[in-house]
Amino acid sequence: MNNTNEQALPSTRPYLIRAMHEWCTDNGFSPYMAVHVDRSVQVPMEFVNNGEIVLNVSHDATSGLHIGNDWIEFKARFGGVAREILVPVTHVLAIYARENGQGMAFPPPEPQVSEADAGAALPGESGGADGEAPPAQRGPQLRAVPTEESLAQGTGGDGSPEPGGPKGPRPALKRVK
C-alpha cells in the first residue's frame, strides 16, 4: 500500500525562505533572518542574544550565499572578520525586510534531546545563579504577529484578544542586534 498521505512531504520552509529572500531583493529591501541558535548552528557566538541571532542575508552582506533545502550557508564579515555561517533551515525563525518589517515567521525547531543529553547542558549553558534556564531550553522570544484581519476583529495573531482592540498599536517584528 503506497499512499501519498503516508509519505513524508518535504518541508515548505526552504521554498518560502527563498521566495521571501527573492522578494526582498527584487524590491530593493535588505533581507534579514532571525535564527534559533543551538549546537547545530555555526555563527559567531559573541553576537547571539537569548539563543537567537539576526543575520543580514542580502547579496551585499554575504559571499557565496546558498539557501538549500536543508542548510543555509554563506560567508559574512562580523567586526571586520570573515566568518563561515551554517544554519539549518529548520532553525530559521523569520525572514523579513529590514526596511519595513514585512516578512514571514516560522515555528521554532523541535528540541532534539537524547537520553544522554537529558541531564547534561552544553558548556557555558548553565542556568546560572538566577535560576534562569539555559538559552536552548528557553526557546525563541518571538510572538504571534497579528494580521490585518485579526486586528479588525480585535484579536491577536494567535486568536487571543489584542490589548486596545482593533485600534491598538500596529505590531512589528522586533530587530534583535
N, C-alpha and C. Protein backbone atom coordinates (compact mmCIF):
# COMPACT_ATOMS: atom_id res chain seq x y z
N MET A 1 0.83 -1.18 0.00
CA MET A 1 0.00 0.00 0.00
C MET A 1 0.88 1.25 0.00
N ASN A 2 0.87 2.00 -1.06
CA ASN A 2 1.72 3.19 -1.16
C ASN A 2 0.83 4.42 -1.29
N ASN A 3 0.46 4.98 -0.18
CA ASN A 3 -0.42 6.14 -0.14
C ASN A 3 0.40 7.40 0.02
N THR A 4 0.09 8.45 -0.74
CA THR A 4 0.87 9.69 -0.64
C THR A 4 0.72 10.34 0.72
N ASN A 5 -0.38 10.07 1.46
CA ASN A 5 -0.53 10.61 2.80
C ASN A 5 0.44 9.98 3.77
N GLU A 6 0.87 8.73 3.47
CA GLU A 6 1.82 8.04 4.34
C GLU A 6 3.24 8.51 4.10
N GLN A 7 3.52 9.06 2.94
CA GLN A 7 4.86 9.52 2.62
C GLN A 7 5.06 10.93 3.17
N ALA A 8 6.21 11.16 3.73
CA ALA A 8 6.51 12.48 4.27
C ALA A 8 6.79 13.45 3.12
N LEU A 9 6.08 14.54 3.09
CA LEU A 9 6.33 15.57 2.08
C LEU A 9 7.48 16.45 2.55
N PRO A 10 8.27 16.98 1.61
CA PRO A 10 9.34 17.89 2.02
C PRO A 10 8.75 19.16 2.62
N SER A 11 9.51 19.76 3.49
CA SER A 11 9.08 20.99 4.15
C SER A 11 8.94 22.13 3.14
N THR A 12 7.98 23.00 3.37
CA THR A 12 7.83 24.20 2.54
C THR A 12 8.75 25.32 3.01
N ARG A 13 9.32 25.20 4.21
CA ARG A 13 10.13 26.27 4.79
C ARG A 13 11.25 26.76 3.87
N PRO A 14 12.10 25.88 3.29
CA PRO A 14 13.19 26.41 2.45
C PRO A 14 12.66 27.15 1.22
N TYR A 15 11.55 26.70 0.67
CA TYR A 15 10.97 27.35 -0.51
C TYR A 15 10.44 28.74 -0.14
N LEU A 16 9.80 28.84 1.02
CA LEU A 16 9.28 30.13 1.47
C LEU A 16 10.41 31.09 1.82
N ILE A 17 11.48 30.57 2.40
CA ILE A 17 12.64 31.42 2.72
C ILE A 17 13.25 31.96 1.44
N ARG A 18 13.43 31.09 0.44
CA ARG A 18 13.99 31.55 -0.83
C ARG A 18 13.07 32.58 -1.49
N ALA A 19 11.76 32.34 -1.43
CA ALA A 19 10.81 33.28 -2.04
C ALA A 19 10.85 34.64 -1.34
N MET A 20 10.90 34.66 -0.01
CA MET A 20 10.96 35.94 0.72
C MET A 20 12.29 36.66 0.44
N HIS A 21 13.37 35.89 0.36
CA HIS A 21 14.68 36.48 0.05
C HIS A 21 14.63 37.14 -1.33
N GLU A 22 14.06 36.43 -2.30
CA GLU A 22 13.95 36.97 -3.66
C GLU A 22 13.06 38.21 -3.69
N TRP A 23 11.93 38.16 -2.96
CA TRP A 23 11.01 39.30 -2.91
C TRP A 23 11.72 40.53 -2.33
N CYS A 24 12.43 40.34 -1.23
CA CYS A 24 13.17 41.46 -0.62
C CYS A 24 14.18 42.03 -1.61
N THR A 25 14.96 41.16 -2.23
CA THR A 25 16.00 41.58 -3.17
C THR A 25 15.40 42.31 -4.37
N ASP A 26 14.35 41.74 -4.95
CA ASP A 26 13.71 42.35 -6.13
C ASP A 26 13.14 43.73 -5.83
N ASN A 27 12.74 43.97 -4.59
CA ASN A 27 12.12 45.24 -4.23
C ASN A 27 13.08 46.20 -3.55
N GLY A 28 14.37 45.89 -3.58
CA GLY A 28 15.38 46.79 -3.03
C GLY A 28 15.47 46.80 -1.52
N PHE A 29 14.94 45.76 -0.85
CA PHE A 29 15.00 45.67 0.61
C PHE A 29 16.15 44.77 1.03
N SER A 30 16.57 44.90 2.29
CA SER A 30 17.62 44.05 2.86
C SER A 30 16.97 42.90 3.60
N PRO A 31 17.14 41.66 3.12
CA PRO A 31 16.55 40.52 3.82
C PRO A 31 17.35 40.18 5.08
N TYR A 32 16.65 40.09 6.20
CA TYR A 32 17.25 39.70 7.47
C TYR A 32 16.59 38.40 7.92
N MET A 33 17.39 37.53 8.57
CA MET A 33 16.87 36.27 9.10
C MET A 33 17.11 36.22 10.61
N ALA A 34 16.07 35.88 11.35
CA ALA A 34 16.20 35.58 12.77
C ALA A 34 16.40 34.08 12.87
N VAL A 35 17.42 33.65 13.63
CA VAL A 35 17.81 32.25 13.69
C VAL A 35 17.88 31.79 15.14
N HIS A 36 17.30 30.63 15.42
CA HIS A 36 17.43 29.98 16.73
C HIS A 36 18.81 29.33 16.77
N VAL A 37 19.59 29.61 17.81
CA VAL A 37 20.96 29.10 17.88
C VAL A 37 21.06 27.98 18.91
N ASP A 38 21.60 26.85 18.46
CA ASP A 38 21.97 25.75 19.33
C ASP A 38 23.26 25.16 18.77
N ARG A 39 23.61 23.97 19.20
CA ARG A 39 24.91 23.40 18.78
C ARG A 39 24.99 23.05 17.30
N SER A 40 23.86 23.00 16.59
CA SER A 40 23.90 22.66 15.17
C SER A 40 24.09 23.89 14.27
N VAL A 41 24.11 25.08 14.85
CA VAL A 41 24.24 26.33 14.09
C VAL A 41 25.66 26.84 14.22
N GLN A 42 26.26 27.23 13.09
CA GLN A 42 27.61 27.79 13.12
C GLN A 42 27.53 29.28 12.82
N VAL A 43 27.57 30.09 13.89
CA VAL A 43 27.54 31.55 13.80
C VAL A 43 28.49 32.10 14.84
N PRO A 44 28.88 33.37 14.75
CA PRO A 44 29.73 33.96 15.79
C PRO A 44 28.93 34.08 17.09
N MET A 45 29.28 33.29 18.08
CA MET A 45 28.53 33.22 19.33
C MET A 45 28.52 34.54 20.11
N GLU A 46 29.49 35.40 19.87
CA GLU A 46 29.52 36.68 20.59
C GLU A 46 28.38 37.61 20.16
N PHE A 47 27.71 37.27 19.06
CA PHE A 47 26.59 38.08 18.58
C PHE A 47 25.23 37.43 18.88
N VAL A 48 25.24 36.30 19.58
CA VAL A 48 24.00 35.60 19.93
C VAL A 48 23.41 36.26 21.17
N ASN A 49 22.10 36.51 21.14
CA ASN A 49 21.40 37.13 22.26
C ASN A 49 20.15 36.31 22.55
N ASN A 50 20.03 35.81 23.77
CA ASN A 50 18.88 34.99 24.19
C ASN A 50 18.65 33.80 23.26
N GLY A 51 19.72 33.17 22.83
CA GLY A 51 19.59 31.98 22.00
C GLY A 51 19.21 32.27 20.56
N GLU A 52 19.32 33.54 20.14
CA GLU A 52 18.96 33.92 18.78
C GLU A 52 20.03 34.85 18.19
N ILE A 53 20.06 34.88 16.87
CA ILE A 53 20.92 35.83 16.16
C ILE A 53 20.14 36.31 14.94
N VAL A 54 20.33 37.57 14.60
CA VAL A 54 19.73 38.12 13.39
C VAL A 54 20.84 38.35 12.38
N LEU A 55 20.65 37.80 11.18
CA LEU A 55 21.67 37.87 10.14
C LEU A 55 21.17 38.64 8.93
N ASN A 56 22.02 39.53 8.42
CA ASN A 56 21.74 40.23 7.16
C ASN A 56 22.15 39.26 6.06
N VAL A 57 21.17 38.79 5.29
CA VAL A 57 21.46 37.82 4.23
C VAL A 57 21.30 38.45 2.84
N SER A 58 21.52 39.75 2.75
CA SER A 58 21.48 40.40 1.44
C SER A 58 22.72 40.00 0.65
N HIS A 59 22.65 40.14 -0.66
CA HIS A 59 23.79 39.79 -1.50
C HIS A 59 24.98 40.71 -1.23
N ASP A 60 24.72 41.94 -0.79
CA ASP A 60 25.80 42.88 -0.47
C ASP A 60 26.54 42.49 0.81
N ALA A 61 25.84 41.81 1.74
CA ALA A 61 26.43 41.49 3.03
C ALA A 61 27.00 40.08 3.10
N THR A 62 26.75 39.27 2.06
CA THR A 62 27.20 37.88 2.09
C THR A 62 28.04 37.55 0.86
N SER A 63 28.75 36.45 0.97
CA SER A 63 29.51 35.93 -0.15
C SER A 63 29.19 34.45 -0.26
N GLY A 64 28.88 34.00 -1.46
CA GLY A 64 28.60 32.58 -1.67
C GLY A 64 27.32 32.11 -1.00
N LEU A 65 26.32 32.96 -0.93
CA LEU A 65 25.05 32.59 -0.29
C LEU A 65 24.37 31.45 -1.04
N HIS A 66 24.04 30.39 -0.29
CA HIS A 66 23.30 29.27 -0.86
C HIS A 66 22.20 28.89 0.13
N ILE A 67 20.93 29.04 -0.31
CA ILE A 67 19.79 28.67 0.52
C ILE A 67 19.29 27.33 -0.01
N GLY A 68 19.76 26.26 0.60
CA GLY A 68 19.39 24.91 0.17
C GLY A 68 18.15 24.43 0.91
N ASN A 69 17.77 23.19 0.65
CA ASN A 69 16.60 22.63 1.32
C ASN A 69 16.87 22.24 2.75
N ASP A 70 18.14 22.00 3.11
CA ASP A 70 18.48 21.60 4.47
C ASP A 70 19.34 22.63 5.20
N TRP A 71 20.21 23.33 4.47
CA TRP A 71 21.15 24.26 5.08
C TRP A 71 21.19 25.59 4.34
N ILE A 72 21.47 26.65 5.08
CA ILE A 72 21.76 27.96 4.50
C ILE A 72 23.22 28.22 4.84
N GLU A 73 24.01 28.50 3.83
CA GLU A 73 25.44 28.71 4.06
C GLU A 73 25.93 29.92 3.28
N PHE A 74 26.84 30.64 3.92
CA PHE A 74 27.45 31.80 3.29
C PHE A 74 28.62 32.27 4.14
N LYS A 75 29.36 33.21 3.60
CA LYS A 75 30.43 33.88 4.34
C LYS A 75 29.99 35.32 4.56
N ALA A 76 30.33 35.85 5.73
CA ALA A 76 29.99 37.24 6.05
C ALA A 76 31.03 37.78 7.01
N ARG A 77 31.12 39.10 7.06
CA ARG A 77 32.07 39.75 7.97
C ARG A 77 31.35 40.19 9.23
N PHE A 78 31.96 39.91 10.36
CA PHE A 78 31.47 40.33 11.67
C PHE A 78 32.62 41.06 12.34
N GLY A 79 32.45 42.33 12.58
CA GLY A 79 33.53 43.12 13.17
C GLY A 79 34.78 43.10 12.31
N GLY A 80 34.61 43.03 10.99
CA GLY A 80 35.73 43.05 10.06
C GLY A 80 36.39 41.69 9.83
N VAL A 81 35.89 40.65 10.51
CA VAL A 81 36.47 39.32 10.38
C VAL A 81 35.52 38.44 9.56
N ALA A 82 36.04 37.82 8.49
CA ALA A 82 35.22 36.94 7.66
C ALA A 82 34.92 35.65 8.42
N ARG A 83 33.66 35.26 8.41
CA ARG A 83 33.22 34.05 9.10
C ARG A 83 32.38 33.19 8.16
N GLU A 84 32.48 31.89 8.31
CA GLU A 84 31.66 30.91 7.59
C GLU A 84 30.41 30.67 8.43
N ILE A 85 29.24 30.86 7.83
CA ILE A 85 27.96 30.71 8.53
C ILE A 85 27.23 29.50 7.98
N LEU A 86 26.76 28.64 8.87
CA LEU A 86 25.96 27.46 8.52
C LEU A 86 24.73 27.42 9.42
N VAL A 87 23.55 27.43 8.80
CA VAL A 87 22.30 27.45 9.56
C VAL A 87 21.39 26.36 9.00
N PRO A 88 20.92 25.45 9.85
CA PRO A 88 19.91 24.50 9.37
C PRO A 88 18.63 25.28 9.04
N VAL A 89 17.99 24.95 7.94
CA VAL A 89 16.77 25.64 7.54
C VAL A 89 15.73 25.56 8.65
N THR A 90 15.72 24.46 9.41
CA THR A 90 14.74 24.29 10.48
C THR A 90 14.92 25.30 11.60
N HIS A 91 16.06 25.98 11.68
CA HIS A 91 16.34 26.92 12.75
C HIS A 91 16.02 28.37 12.37
N VAL A 92 15.57 28.61 11.15
CA VAL A 92 15.18 29.96 10.75
C VAL A 92 13.83 30.27 11.38
N LEU A 93 13.80 31.30 12.22
CA LEU A 93 12.56 31.70 12.90
C LEU A 93 11.77 32.71 12.09
N ALA A 94 12.47 33.52 11.30
CA ALA A 94 11.78 34.54 10.49
C ALA A 94 12.73 35.04 9.41
N ILE A 95 12.14 35.51 8.32
CA ILE A 95 12.88 36.24 7.29
C ILE A 95 12.02 37.43 6.94
N TYR A 96 12.63 38.61 6.91
CA TYR A 96 11.86 39.84 6.73
C TYR A 96 12.71 40.94 6.13
N ALA A 97 12.04 41.96 5.61
CA ALA A 97 12.73 43.12 5.07
C ALA A 97 13.07 44.07 6.22
N ARG A 98 14.34 44.43 6.35
CA ARG A 98 14.76 45.32 7.41
C ARG A 98 14.04 46.66 7.35
N GLU A 99 13.78 47.14 6.17
CA GLU A 99 13.25 48.50 6.00
C GLU A 99 11.79 48.65 6.43
N ASN A 100 10.98 47.60 6.29
CA ASN A 100 9.56 47.76 6.63
C ASN A 100 9.02 46.63 7.51
N GLY A 101 9.83 45.64 7.85
CA GLY A 101 9.40 44.57 8.74
C GLY A 101 8.52 43.52 8.09
N GLN A 102 8.20 43.67 6.79
CA GLN A 102 7.36 42.68 6.13
C GLN A 102 8.15 41.39 5.93
N GLY A 103 7.51 40.29 6.25
CA GLY A 103 8.19 39.02 6.09
C GLY A 103 7.35 37.87 6.57
N MET A 104 8.02 36.83 7.00
CA MET A 104 7.34 35.60 7.37
C MET A 104 8.05 35.00 8.58
N ALA A 105 7.26 34.53 9.55
CA ALA A 105 7.81 33.86 10.74
C ALA A 105 7.50 32.37 10.66
N PHE A 106 8.34 31.58 11.30
CA PHE A 106 8.21 30.13 11.29
C PHE A 106 8.25 29.62 12.72
N PRO A 107 7.69 28.43 12.96
CA PRO A 107 7.76 27.85 14.31
C PRO A 107 9.21 27.48 14.65
N PRO A 108 9.54 27.50 15.93
CA PRO A 108 10.91 27.13 16.33
C PRO A 108 11.16 25.65 16.07
N PRO A 109 12.44 25.26 16.01
CA PRO A 109 12.75 23.85 15.76
C PRO A 109 12.33 23.00 16.96
N GLU A 110 12.03 21.74 16.67
CA GLU A 110 11.72 20.80 17.74
C GLU A 110 13.01 20.50 18.50
N PRO A 111 12.97 20.50 19.83
CA PRO A 111 14.20 20.19 20.58
C PRO A 111 14.62 18.75 20.33
N GLN A 112 15.89 18.56 20.10
CA GLN A 112 16.46 17.23 19.86
C GLN A 112 17.17 16.80 21.13
N VAL A 113 16.46 16.14 22.03
CA VAL A 113 17.04 15.73 23.31
C VAL A 113 17.12 14.22 23.33
N SER A 114 18.35 13.71 23.45
CA SER A 114 18.54 12.27 23.59
C SER A 114 18.66 11.96 25.08
N GLU A 115 18.61 10.69 25.43
CA GLU A 115 18.73 10.31 26.84
C GLU A 115 20.05 10.76 27.42
N ALA A 116 21.12 10.71 26.62
CA ALA A 116 22.43 11.11 27.11
C ALA A 116 22.48 12.61 27.36
N ASP A 117 21.73 13.40 26.56
CA ASP A 117 21.74 14.86 26.70
C ASP A 117 20.73 15.35 27.73
N ALA A 118 19.81 14.51 28.17
CA ALA A 118 18.70 14.96 29.01
C ALA A 118 19.17 15.68 30.27
N GLY A 119 20.22 15.18 30.90
CA GLY A 119 20.66 15.83 32.14
C GLY A 119 21.87 16.71 31.95
N ALA A 120 22.45 16.74 30.77
CA ALA A 120 23.69 17.49 30.56
C ALA A 120 23.42 18.76 29.77
N ALA A 121 24.02 19.86 30.21
CA ALA A 121 23.92 21.12 29.48
C ALA A 121 25.18 21.29 28.64
N LEU A 122 25.07 22.09 27.60
CA LEU A 122 26.25 22.42 26.80
C LEU A 122 27.21 23.23 27.64
N PRO A 123 28.50 23.18 27.34
CA PRO A 123 29.44 24.03 28.07
C PRO A 123 29.02 25.49 27.94
N GLY A 124 29.00 26.19 29.06
CA GLY A 124 28.62 27.60 29.05
C GLY A 124 27.12 27.81 29.04
N GLU A 125 26.32 26.73 29.18
CA GLU A 125 24.87 26.86 29.18
C GLU A 125 24.28 26.49 30.52
N SER A 126 24.94 26.82 31.60
CA SER A 126 24.36 26.53 32.90
C SER A 126 23.29 27.54 33.21
N GLY A 127 22.41 27.18 34.11
CA GLY A 127 21.29 28.06 34.44
C GLY A 127 21.73 29.32 35.14
N GLY A 128 22.86 29.29 35.83
CA GLY A 128 23.34 30.49 36.50
C GLY A 128 22.69 30.65 37.86
N ALA A 129 23.15 31.64 38.62
CA ALA A 129 22.69 31.87 39.98
C ALA A 129 21.23 32.31 40.02
N ASP A 130 20.75 32.96 38.96
CA ASP A 130 19.37 33.46 38.96
C ASP A 130 18.37 32.36 38.66
N GLY A 131 18.84 31.14 38.37
CA GLY A 131 17.95 30.02 38.13
C GLY A 131 17.30 30.03 36.75
N GLU A 132 17.73 30.93 35.88
CA GLU A 132 17.14 31.01 34.55
C GLU A 132 17.59 29.82 33.72
N ALA A 133 16.68 29.30 32.90
CA ALA A 133 17.01 28.15 32.06
C ALA A 133 18.04 28.54 31.02
N PRO A 134 18.86 27.58 30.57
CA PRO A 134 19.82 27.87 29.51
C PRO A 134 19.09 28.31 28.25
N PRO A 135 19.77 29.08 27.37
CA PRO A 135 19.11 29.59 26.15
C PRO A 135 18.45 28.50 25.33
N ALA A 136 19.06 27.32 25.21
CA ALA A 136 18.49 26.27 24.38
C ALA A 136 17.16 25.76 24.95
N GLN A 137 16.94 25.94 26.26
CA GLN A 137 15.71 25.47 26.87
C GLN A 137 14.66 26.57 26.95
N ARG A 138 15.07 27.83 26.88
CA ARG A 138 14.11 28.94 26.97
C ARG A 138 13.31 29.09 25.70
N GLY A 139 13.91 28.79 24.55
CA GLY A 139 13.21 28.95 23.28
C GLY A 139 13.28 30.37 22.79
N PRO A 140 12.82 30.61 21.58
CA PRO A 140 12.91 31.93 20.97
C PRO A 140 11.94 32.91 21.60
N GLN A 141 12.21 34.17 21.43
CA GLN A 141 11.40 35.22 22.02
C GLN A 141 10.46 35.84 20.99
N LEU A 142 9.94 35.03 20.06
CA LEU A 142 9.01 35.54 19.06
C LEU A 142 7.59 35.37 19.57
N ARG A 143 6.69 36.23 19.14
CA ARG A 143 5.28 36.07 19.47
C ARG A 143 4.50 36.14 18.17
N ALA A 144 3.26 35.69 18.23
CA ALA A 144 2.42 35.73 17.04
C ALA A 144 2.21 37.18 16.62
N VAL A 145 2.34 37.46 15.35
CA VAL A 145 2.13 38.80 14.83
C VAL A 145 0.72 38.86 14.26
N PRO A 146 -0.12 39.75 14.80
CA PRO A 146 -1.49 39.84 14.31
C PRO A 146 -1.54 40.24 12.84
N THR A 147 -2.53 39.69 12.14
CA THR A 147 -2.77 40.07 10.76
C THR A 147 -3.74 41.23 10.73
N GLU A 148 -3.92 41.86 9.57
CA GLU A 148 -4.87 42.96 9.47
C GLU A 148 -6.28 42.47 9.78
N GLU A 149 -6.59 41.21 9.38
CA GLU A 149 -7.91 40.64 9.68
C GLU A 149 -8.12 40.52 11.17
N SER A 150 -7.12 39.97 11.88
CA SER A 150 -7.29 39.79 13.32
C SER A 150 -7.35 41.12 14.04
N LEU A 151 -6.63 42.14 13.53
CA LEU A 151 -6.72 43.46 14.14
C LEU A 151 -8.12 44.04 13.97
N ALA A 152 -8.71 43.82 12.80
CA ALA A 152 -10.06 44.33 12.57
C ALA A 152 -11.06 43.62 13.48
N GLN A 153 -10.77 42.34 13.84
CA GLN A 153 -11.65 41.58 14.71
C GLN A 153 -11.32 41.79 16.17
N GLY A 154 -10.23 42.53 16.46
CA GLY A 154 -9.84 42.79 17.84
C GLY A 154 -9.16 41.61 18.50
N THR A 155 -8.50 40.73 17.71
CA THR A 155 -7.78 39.61 18.27
C THR A 155 -6.34 39.67 17.82
N GLY A 156 -5.46 38.97 18.56
CA GLY A 156 -4.06 38.88 18.18
C GLY A 156 -3.87 37.83 17.11
N GLY A 157 -2.67 37.65 16.64
CA GLY A 157 -2.37 36.68 15.60
C GLY A 157 -2.64 35.26 16.03
N ASP A 158 -2.68 35.00 17.36
CA ASP A 158 -2.97 33.67 17.85
C ASP A 158 -4.43 33.52 18.27
N GLY A 159 -5.28 34.50 17.96
CA GLY A 159 -6.69 34.43 18.29
C GLY A 159 -7.03 35.03 19.64
N SER A 160 -6.02 35.39 20.44
CA SER A 160 -6.28 35.97 21.76
C SER A 160 -6.68 37.44 21.60
N PRO A 161 -7.43 37.97 22.58
CA PRO A 161 -7.81 39.38 22.47
C PRO A 161 -6.59 40.28 22.41
N GLU A 162 -6.61 41.23 21.55
CA GLU A 162 -5.50 42.17 21.38
C GLU A 162 -5.72 43.35 22.33
N PRO A 163 -4.73 43.70 23.17
CA PRO A 163 -4.90 44.86 24.05
C PRO A 163 -5.21 46.10 23.23
N GLY A 164 -6.19 46.82 23.65
CA GLY A 164 -6.55 48.05 22.95
C GLY A 164 -7.49 47.79 21.80
N GLY A 165 -7.86 46.53 21.56
CA GLY A 165 -8.81 46.22 20.49
C GLY A 165 -8.26 46.55 19.13
N PRO A 166 -9.14 46.76 18.16
CA PRO A 166 -8.68 46.98 16.79
C PRO A 166 -7.93 48.28 16.60
N LYS A 167 -8.02 49.21 17.55
CA LYS A 167 -7.33 50.49 17.39
C LYS A 167 -6.01 50.52 18.15
N GLY A 168 -5.54 49.36 18.62
CA GLY A 168 -4.28 49.29 19.34
C GLY A 168 -3.11 49.54 18.41
N PRO A 169 -1.89 49.58 18.96
CA PRO A 169 -0.71 49.82 18.11
C PRO A 169 -0.50 48.69 17.13
N ARG A 170 0.02 49.03 15.96
CA ARG A 170 0.29 48.03 14.91
C ARG A 170 1.50 47.20 15.32
N PRO A 171 1.44 45.91 15.15
CA PRO A 171 2.57 45.05 15.52
C PRO A 171 3.68 45.17 14.48
N ALA A 172 4.87 44.84 14.92
CA ALA A 172 6.02 44.84 14.02
C ALA A 172 7.02 43.82 14.52
N LEU A 173 7.84 43.29 13.63
CA LEU A 173 8.93 42.43 14.05
C LEU A 173 9.96 43.26 14.79
N LYS A 174 10.45 42.76 15.88
CA LYS A 174 11.46 43.47 16.65
C LYS A 174 12.83 43.04 16.15
N ARG A 175 13.66 44.00 15.81
CA ARG A 175 15.01 43.71 15.36
C ARG A 175 15.88 43.42 16.57
N VAL A 176 16.56 42.29 16.56
CA VAL A 176 17.47 41.93 17.63
C VAL A 176 18.88 42.11 17.11
N LYS A 177 19.64 42.93 17.77
CA LYS A 177 21.01 43.19 17.31
C LYS A 177 22.01 42.49 18.15
